[in-house]
Structures are given as structure tokens and as C-alpha cells.
Amino acid sequence: MAMRDLRYFGDPVLKTKCEPVTRFDKALETLVNDLLETVKPAGRAGLAANQIGVGLRVFSYDVDNLLGYVINPEIVELSESTHEINEGCLSVPELWFPTVRAEHAVVRGVDLRNEPVVVEGKGVLAQCLQHETDHLDGLLYLDRLSKERKREAMREARTKDWFWQRS
């Protein structure tokens, strides 16, 4: 297991839809272990594979002492009830904006043995499941903001040292 470097807003890998996992091998096991290790530090709730530069549909989560991962996740249920919650992202550090999310979410995928798994969550876990699945679809939480908030976020992002500059 290794702590992996994060990719930051502006890096094209974050806007690219991830490919489904088709090979369940040692390399996938290493990726899952690295995702689990990298999500553990305090203040982290979830981590998608493309946030560490890998274009595969895998994410890890660590919410309320519940540590896990999902391979090939798909959201299969979202509650009709939503709330606006302050949201941030490891790939967009220091920026938090109110984002509308379903209060309850269910994700279905598989584990390392290609066996079915279902993760169901409310509150922060529901937010995390939606946020990480968005990442795997090439979306950042900034893409869900109103035009005005997105403009504000972009202005702030450009002032940050981590902002990925294209040459």
C-alpha cells in the first residue's frame, strides 16, 4: 500500500470519464489498496481513481469509521429529497461551495473478487457516494454549481498555488 499523489483541478484526467474495470488482477488489488491508504488521512471522505491519475472506475471512502471501496460503481438510487451541503474536494483544495445532493444514495458495484457489493448511505456518506461517482464520470462538484457560484469558484481557483496551469 502506498500513499499516492493527488491530481488537481485543471488536470485533464479529472474531466475524462473512467473506463470500467475488466481485469481483476494484482494491479487492481494494488490500486484498491493505494486508494484505501490515500483516503485515510483526517479530513478525507472519498477518493476516485482518476484523482490519483488512474482512469478506471474505482473509488474508496472513509466516512464515520466506515472504510471501503467500490469497483465499477453505478448509482442505482437517489432520494427525491435533497439538501444543499457545503462541499469540497481533494482535487480542488481550500474551496468549499454549497452543492445540492440527494440526502440518500445507493451505489452498486463489485469487489476485488468481482462479487456484487451495495453501499447505501445518508448524509455525508450519500454525498460521498455521489461525489466519487461523479468523479468517475469526469465531473467535479464545481460542475454542479450555479453559474454564479461556478464563476466565483473559478476566480478563486486561479489564485491558488495548486491550480494546474497549461503551458
C-alpha atoms as a PDB file:
ATOM      1  CA  MET A   1       0.000   0.000   0.000  1.00  0.00           C
ATOM      2  CA  ALA A   2       1.196   3.454  -0.854  1.00  0.00           C
ATOM      3  CA  MET A   3       0.020   6.997  -0.305  1.00  0.00           C
ATOM      4  CA  ARG A   4      -0.459   8.366  -3.822  1.00  0.00           C
ATOM      5  CA  ASP A   5      -0.087  11.944  -5.087  1.00  0.00           C
ATOM      6  CA  LEU A   6      -3.292  13.764  -5.922  1.00  0.00           C
ATOM      7  CA  ARG A   7      -4.240  15.348  -9.241  1.00  0.00           C
ATOM      8  CA  TYR A   8      -5.645  18.877  -9.103  1.00  0.00           C
ATOM      9  CA  PHE A   9      -8.333  20.853 -10.860  1.00  0.00           C
ATOM     10  CA  GLY A  10      -7.253  21.632 -14.411  1.00  0.00           C
ATOM     11  CA  ASP A  11      -5.603  18.241 -14.957  1.00  0.00           C
ATOM     12  CA  PRO A  12      -7.420  16.645 -17.941  1.00  0.00           C
ATOM     13  CA  VAL A  13      -7.593  13.235 -16.214  1.00  0.00           C
ATOM     14  CA  LEU A  14     -10.215  14.679 -13.848  1.00  0.00           C
ATOM     15  CA  LYS A  15     -12.533  15.583 -16.744  1.00  0.00           C
ATOM     16  CA  THR A  16     -12.190  12.228 -18.514  1.00  0.00           C
ATOM     17  CA  LYS A  17     -14.785   9.509 -17.989  1.00  0.00           C
ATOM     18  CA  CYS A  18     -13.143   6.458 -16.423  1.00  0.00           C
ATOM     19  CA  GLU A  19     -13.162   3.044 -18.082  1.00  0.00           C
ATOM     20  CA  PRO A  20     -14.891   0.063 -16.452  1.00  0.00           C
ATOM     21  CA  VAL A  21     -12.602  -2.438 -14.748  1.00  0.00           C
ATOM     22  CA  THR A  22     -12.390  -5.662 -16.760  1.00  0.00           C
ATOM     23  CA  ARG A  23      -9.246  -7.266 -15.300  1.00  0.00           C
ATOM     24  CA  PHE A  24      -9.385  -8.414 -11.687  1.00  0.00           C
ATOM     25  CA  ASP A  25      -5.701  -8.952 -11.072  1.00  0.00           C
ATOM     26  CA  LYS A  26      -2.821  -7.969  -8.791  1.00  0.00           C
ATOM     27  CA  ALA A  27      -2.606  -4.498 -10.383  1.00  0.00           C
ATOM     28  CA  LEU A  28      -6.246  -3.838  -9.436  1.00  0.00           C
ATOM     29  CA  GLU A  29      -5.606  -5.064  -5.900  1.00  0.00           C
ATOM     30  CA  THR A  30      -2.660  -2.657  -5.639  1.00  0.00           C
ATOM     31  CA  LEU A  31      -4.820   0.212  -6.929  1.00  0.00           C
ATOM     32  CA  VAL A  32      -7.573  -0.529  -4.389  1.00  0.00           C
ATOM     33  CA  ASN A  33      -5.044  -0.754  -1.551  1.00  0.00           C
ATOM     34  CA  ASP A  34      -3.469   2.554  -2.616  1.00  0.00           C
ATOM     35  CA  LEU A  35      -6.902   4.217  -2.761  1.00  0.00           C
ATOM     36  CA  LEU A  36      -7.699   2.933   0.727  1.00  0.00           C
ATOM     37  CA  GLU A  37      -4.366   4.170   2.085  1.00  0.00           C
ATOM     38  CA  THR A  38      -4.647   7.562   0.377  1.00  0.00           C
ATOM     39  CA  VAL A  39      -8.186   8.236   1.664  1.00  0.00           C
ATOM     40  CA  LYS A  40      -7.274   7.537   5.336  1.00  0.00           C
ATOM     41  CA  PRO A  41      -5.789  10.887   6.476  1.00  0.00           C
ATOM     42  CA  ALA A  42      -8.126  13.009   8.560  1.00  0.00           C
ATOM     43  CA  GLY A  43     -10.452  15.249   6.580  1.00  0.00           C
ATOM     44  CA  ARG A  44     -10.758  12.902   3.616  1.00  0.00           C
ATOM     45  CA  ALA A  45     -14.076  11.178   2.891  1.00  0.00           C
ATOM     46  CA  GLY A  46     -13.601   9.685  -0.564  1.00  0.00           C
ATOM     47  CA  LEU A  47     -11.131   9.279  -3.397  1.00  0.00           C
ATOM     48  CA  ALA A  48     -11.704   8.298  -7.026  1.00  0.00           C
ATOM     49  CA  ALA A  49      -9.034   6.543  -9.086  1.00  0.00           C
ATOM     50  CA  ASN A  50      -8.700   9.425 -11.555  1.00  0.00           C
ATOM     51  CA  GLN A  51      -7.769  11.706  -8.638  1.00  0.00           C
ATOM     52  CA  ILE A  52      -4.512   9.738  -8.491  1.00  0.00           C
ATOM     53  CA  GLY A  53      -4.171   9.603 -12.276  1.00  0.00           C
ATOM     54  CA  VAL A  54      -5.751   6.204 -12.988  1.00  0.00           C
ATOM     55  CA  GLY A  55      -8.627   6.155 -15.473  1.00  0.00           C
ATOM     56  CA  LEU A  56     -10.526   3.181 -14.034  1.00  0.00           C
ATOM     57  CA  ARG A  57     -13.965   3.102 -12.339  1.00  0.00           C
ATOM     58  CA  VAL A  58     -12.886   2.576  -8.719  1.00  0.00           C
ATOM     59  CA  PHE A  59     -13.279   4.692  -5.605  1.00  0.00           C
ATOM     60  CA  SER A  60     -12.588   4.405  -1.900  1.00  0.00           C
ATOM     61  CA  TYR A  61     -14.402   6.007   1.024  1.00  0.00           C
ATOM     62  CA  ASP A  62     -13.780   6.609   4.717  1.00  0.00           C
ATOM     63  CA  VAL A  63     -16.859   8.096   6.377  1.00  0.00           C
ATOM     64  CA  ASP A  64     -17.820   7.738  10.045  1.00  0.00           C
ATOM     65  CA  ASN A  65     -15.265   4.929  10.565  1.00  0.00           C
ATOM     66  CA  LEU A  66     -16.629   3.042   7.553  1.00  0.00           C
ATOM     67  CA  LEU A  67     -13.695   2.333   5.227  1.00  0.00           C
ATOM     68  CA  GLY A  68     -14.322   0.661   1.885  1.00  0.00           C
ATOM     69  CA  TYR A  69     -14.186   0.717  -1.885  1.00  0.00           C
ATOM     70  CA  VAL A  70     -16.371   0.011  -4.900  1.00  0.00           C
ATOM     71  CA  ILE A  71     -15.256  -1.183  -8.323  1.00  0.00           C
ATOM     72  CA  ASN A  72     -17.419  -0.239 -11.334  1.00  0.00           C
ATOM     73  CA  PRO A  73     -19.853   1.752  -9.180  1.00  0.00           C
ATOM     74  CA  GLU A  74     -23.177   2.919 -10.526  1.00  0.00           C
ATOM     75  CA  ILE A  75     -25.703   4.978  -8.622  1.00  0.00           C
ATOM     76  CA  VAL A  76     -28.885   2.903  -8.579  1.00  0.00           C
ATOM     77  CA  GLU A  77     -30.982   5.018  -6.242  1.00  0.00           C
ATOM     78  CA  LEU A  78     -31.170   8.651  -5.140  1.00  0.00           C
ATOM     79  CA  SER A  79     -33.790  10.033  -2.815  1.00  0.00           C
ATOM     80  CA  GLU A  80     -36.106  12.697  -4.131  1.00  0.00           C
ATOM     81  CA  SER A  81     -35.322  14.716  -1.035  1.00  0.00           C
ATOM     82  CA  THR A  82     -32.222  16.864  -1.470  1.00  0.00           C
ATOM     83  CA  HIS A  83     -30.296  19.346   0.588  1.00  0.00           C
ATOM     84  CA  GLU A  84     -27.660  21.963  -0.071  1.00  0.00           C
ATOM     85  CA  ILE A  85     -24.466  20.995   1.695  1.00  0.00           C
ATOM     86  CA  ASN A  86     -21.084  22.695   1.801  1.00  0.00           C
ATOM     87  CA  GLU A  87     -18.879  20.551  -0.417  1.00  0.00           C
ATOM     88  CA  GLY A  88     -15.166  20.440  -1.064  1.00  0.00           C
ATOM     89  CA  CYS A  89     -12.814  18.171  -2.976  1.00  0.00           C
ATOM     90  CA  LEU A  90      -9.271  16.878  -2.554  1.00  0.00           C
ATOM     91  CA  SER A  91      -8.608  17.888  -6.170  1.00  0.00           C
ATOM     92  CA  VAL A  92      -9.946  21.400  -5.528  1.00  0.00           C
ATOM     93  CA  PRO A  93      -8.399  22.090  -2.111  1.00  0.00           C
ATOM     94  CA  GLU A  94      -9.389  25.035   0.072  1.00  0.00           C
ATOM     95  CA  LEU A  95     -12.600  25.729  -1.873  1.00  0.00           C
ATOM     96  CA  TRP A  96     -15.984  24.879  -0.369  1.00  0.00           C
ATOM     97  CA  PHE A  97     -19.301  25.703  -2.019  1.00  0.00           C
ATOM     98  CA  PRO A  98     -22.927  24.824  -1.303  1.00  0.00           C
ATOM     99  CA  THR A  99     -23.864  21.918  -3.571  1.00  0.00           C
ATOM    100  CA  VAL A 100     -27.245  20.240  -3.972  1.00  0.00           C
ATOM    101  CA  ARG A 101     -27.126  16.496  -3.272  1.00  0.00           C
ATOM    102  CA  ALA A 102     -29.692  13.774  -2.649  1.00  0.00           C
ATOM    103  CA  GLU A 103     -29.996  13.025   1.063  1.00  0.00           C
ATOM    104  CA  HIS A 104     -29.863   9.257   0.440  1.00  0.00           C
ATOM    105  CA  ALA A 105     -27.896   7.319  -2.188  1.00  0.00           C
ATOM    106  CA  VAL A 106     -27.320   3.701  -3.140  1.00  0.00           C
ATOM    107  CA  VAL A 107     -24.336   2.568  -5.215  1.00  0.00           C
ATOM    108  CA  ARG A 108     -23.949  -0.891  -6.706  1.00  0.00           C
ATOM    109  CA  GLY A 109     -20.663  -2.338  -7.955  1.00  0.00           C
ATOM    110  CA  VAL A 110     -18.277  -5.204  -7.285  1.00  0.00           C
ATOM    111  CA  ASP A 111     -15.343  -6.053  -5.027  1.00  0.00           C
ATOM    112  CA  LEU A 112     -11.887  -7.426  -5.855  1.00  0.00           C
ATOM    113  CA  ARG A 113     -13.349 -10.918  -6.397  1.00  0.00           C
ATOM    114  CA  ASN A 114     -15.892  -9.429  -8.862  1.00  0.00           C
ATOM    115  CA  GLU A 115     -18.631 -10.178  -6.323  1.00  0.00           C
ATOM    116  CA  PRO A 116     -21.580  -7.753  -6.060  1.00  0.00           C
ATOM    117  CA  VAL A 117     -21.491  -5.035  -3.400  1.00  0.00           C
ATOM    118  CA  VAL A 118     -24.048  -2.416  -2.471  1.00  0.00           C
ATOM    119  CA  VAL A 119     -23.248   0.682  -0.420  1.00  0.00           C
ATOM    120  CA  GLU A 120     -26.124   2.719   0.943  1.00  0.00           C
ATOM    121  CA  GLY A 121     -25.741   5.995   2.752  1.00  0.00           C
ATOM    122  CA  LYS A 122     -27.425   9.045   4.177  1.00  0.00           C
ATOM    123  CA  GLY A 123     -25.914  12.440   4.914  1.00  0.00           C
ATOM    124  CA  VAL A 124     -22.147  12.609   4.401  1.00  0.00           C
ATOM    125  CA  LEU A 125     -21.899   9.049   3.064  1.00  0.00           C
ATOM    126  CA  ALA A 126     -24.631   9.760   0.490  1.00  0.00           C
ATOM    127  CA  GLN A 127     -22.787  12.927  -0.509  1.00  0.00           C
ATOM    128  CA  CYS A 128     -19.530  10.976  -0.813  1.00  0.00           C
ATOM    129  CA  LEU A 129     -21.084   8.243  -2.976  1.00  0.00           C
ATOM    130  CA  GLN A 130     -22.490  10.854  -5.354  1.00  0.00           C
ATOM    131  CA  HIS A 131     -19.286  12.938  -5.372  1.00  0.00           C
ATOM    132  CA  GLU A 132     -16.971   9.987  -6.124  1.00  0.00           C
ATOM    133  CA  THR A 133     -19.255   8.527  -8.796  1.00  0.00           C
ATOM    134  CA  ASP A 134     -19.326  11.968 -10.411  1.00  0.00           C
ATOM    135  CA  HIS A 135     -15.509  11.937 -10.486  1.00  0.00           C
ATOM    136  CA  LEU A 136     -15.527   8.630 -12.355  1.00  0.00           C
ATOM    137  CA  ASP A 137     -17.906  10.189 -14.889  1.00  0.00           C
ATOM    138  CA  GLY A 138     -15.477  13.094 -15.428  1.00  0.00           C
ATOM    139  CA  LEU A 139     -17.446  15.565 -13.310  1.00  0.00           C
ATOM    140  CA  LEU A 140     -16.253  17.774 -10.476  1.00  0.00           C
ATOM    141  CA  TYR A 141     -18.581  19.158  -7.840  1.00  0.00           C
ATOM    142  CA  LEU A 142     -17.902  22.568  -9.415  1.00  0.00           C
ATOM    143  CA  ASP A 143     -19.842  21.345 -12.468  1.00  0.00           C
ATOM    144  CA  ARG A 144     -22.970  21.105 -10.273  1.00  0.00           C
ATOM    145  CA  LEU A 145     -22.783  24.706  -9.040  1.00  0.00           C
ATOM    146  CA  SER A 146     -24.971  27.538 -10.263  1.00  0.00           C
ATOM    147  CA  LYS A 147     -23.392  29.764 -12.926  1.00  0.00           C
ATOM    148  CA  GLU A 148     -22.684  32.497 -10.370  1.00  0.00           C
ATOM    149  CA  ARG A 149     -21.080  30.137  -7.840  1.00  0.00           C
ATOM    150  CA  LYS A 150     -19.073  28.397 -10.555  1.00  0.00           C
ATOM    151  CA  ARG A 151     -17.695  31.745 -11.741  1.00  0.00           C
ATOM    152  CA  GLU A 152     -16.731  32.573  -8.155  1.00  0.00           C
ATOM    153  CA  ALA A 153     -15.075  29.166  -7.744  1.00  0.00           C
ATOM    154  CA  MET A 154     -13.107  29.592 -10.964  1.00  0.00           C
ATOM    155  CA  ARG A 155     -11.878  33.036  -9.878  1.00  0.00           C
ATOM    156  CA  GLU A 156     -10.729  31.630  -6.548  1.00  0.00           C
ATOM    157  CA  ALA A 157      -9.146  28.514  -8.086  1.00  0.00           C
ATOM    158  CA  ARG A 158      -6.965  30.574 -10.426  1.00  0.00           C
ATOM    159  CA  THR A 159      -5.387  32.291  -7.403  1.00  0.00           C
ATOM    160  CA  LYS A 160      -4.271  29.018  -5.766  1.00  0.00           C
ATOM    161  CA  ASP A 161      -0.794  27.525  -5.956  1.00  0.00           C
ATOM    162  CA  TRP A 162      -2.207  24.080  -6.761  1.00  0.00           C
ATOM    163  CA  PHE A 163      -4.145  25.268  -9.823  1.00  0.00           C
ATOM    164  CA  TRP A 164      -2.917  23.236 -12.770  1.00  0.00           C
ATOM    165  CA  GLN A 165      -1.568  25.606 -15.399  1.00  0.00           C
ATOM    166  CA  ARG A 166      -1.381  24.510 -19.012  1.00  0.00           C
ATOM    167  CA  SER A 167       1.740  25.683 -20.819  1.00  0.00           C
END
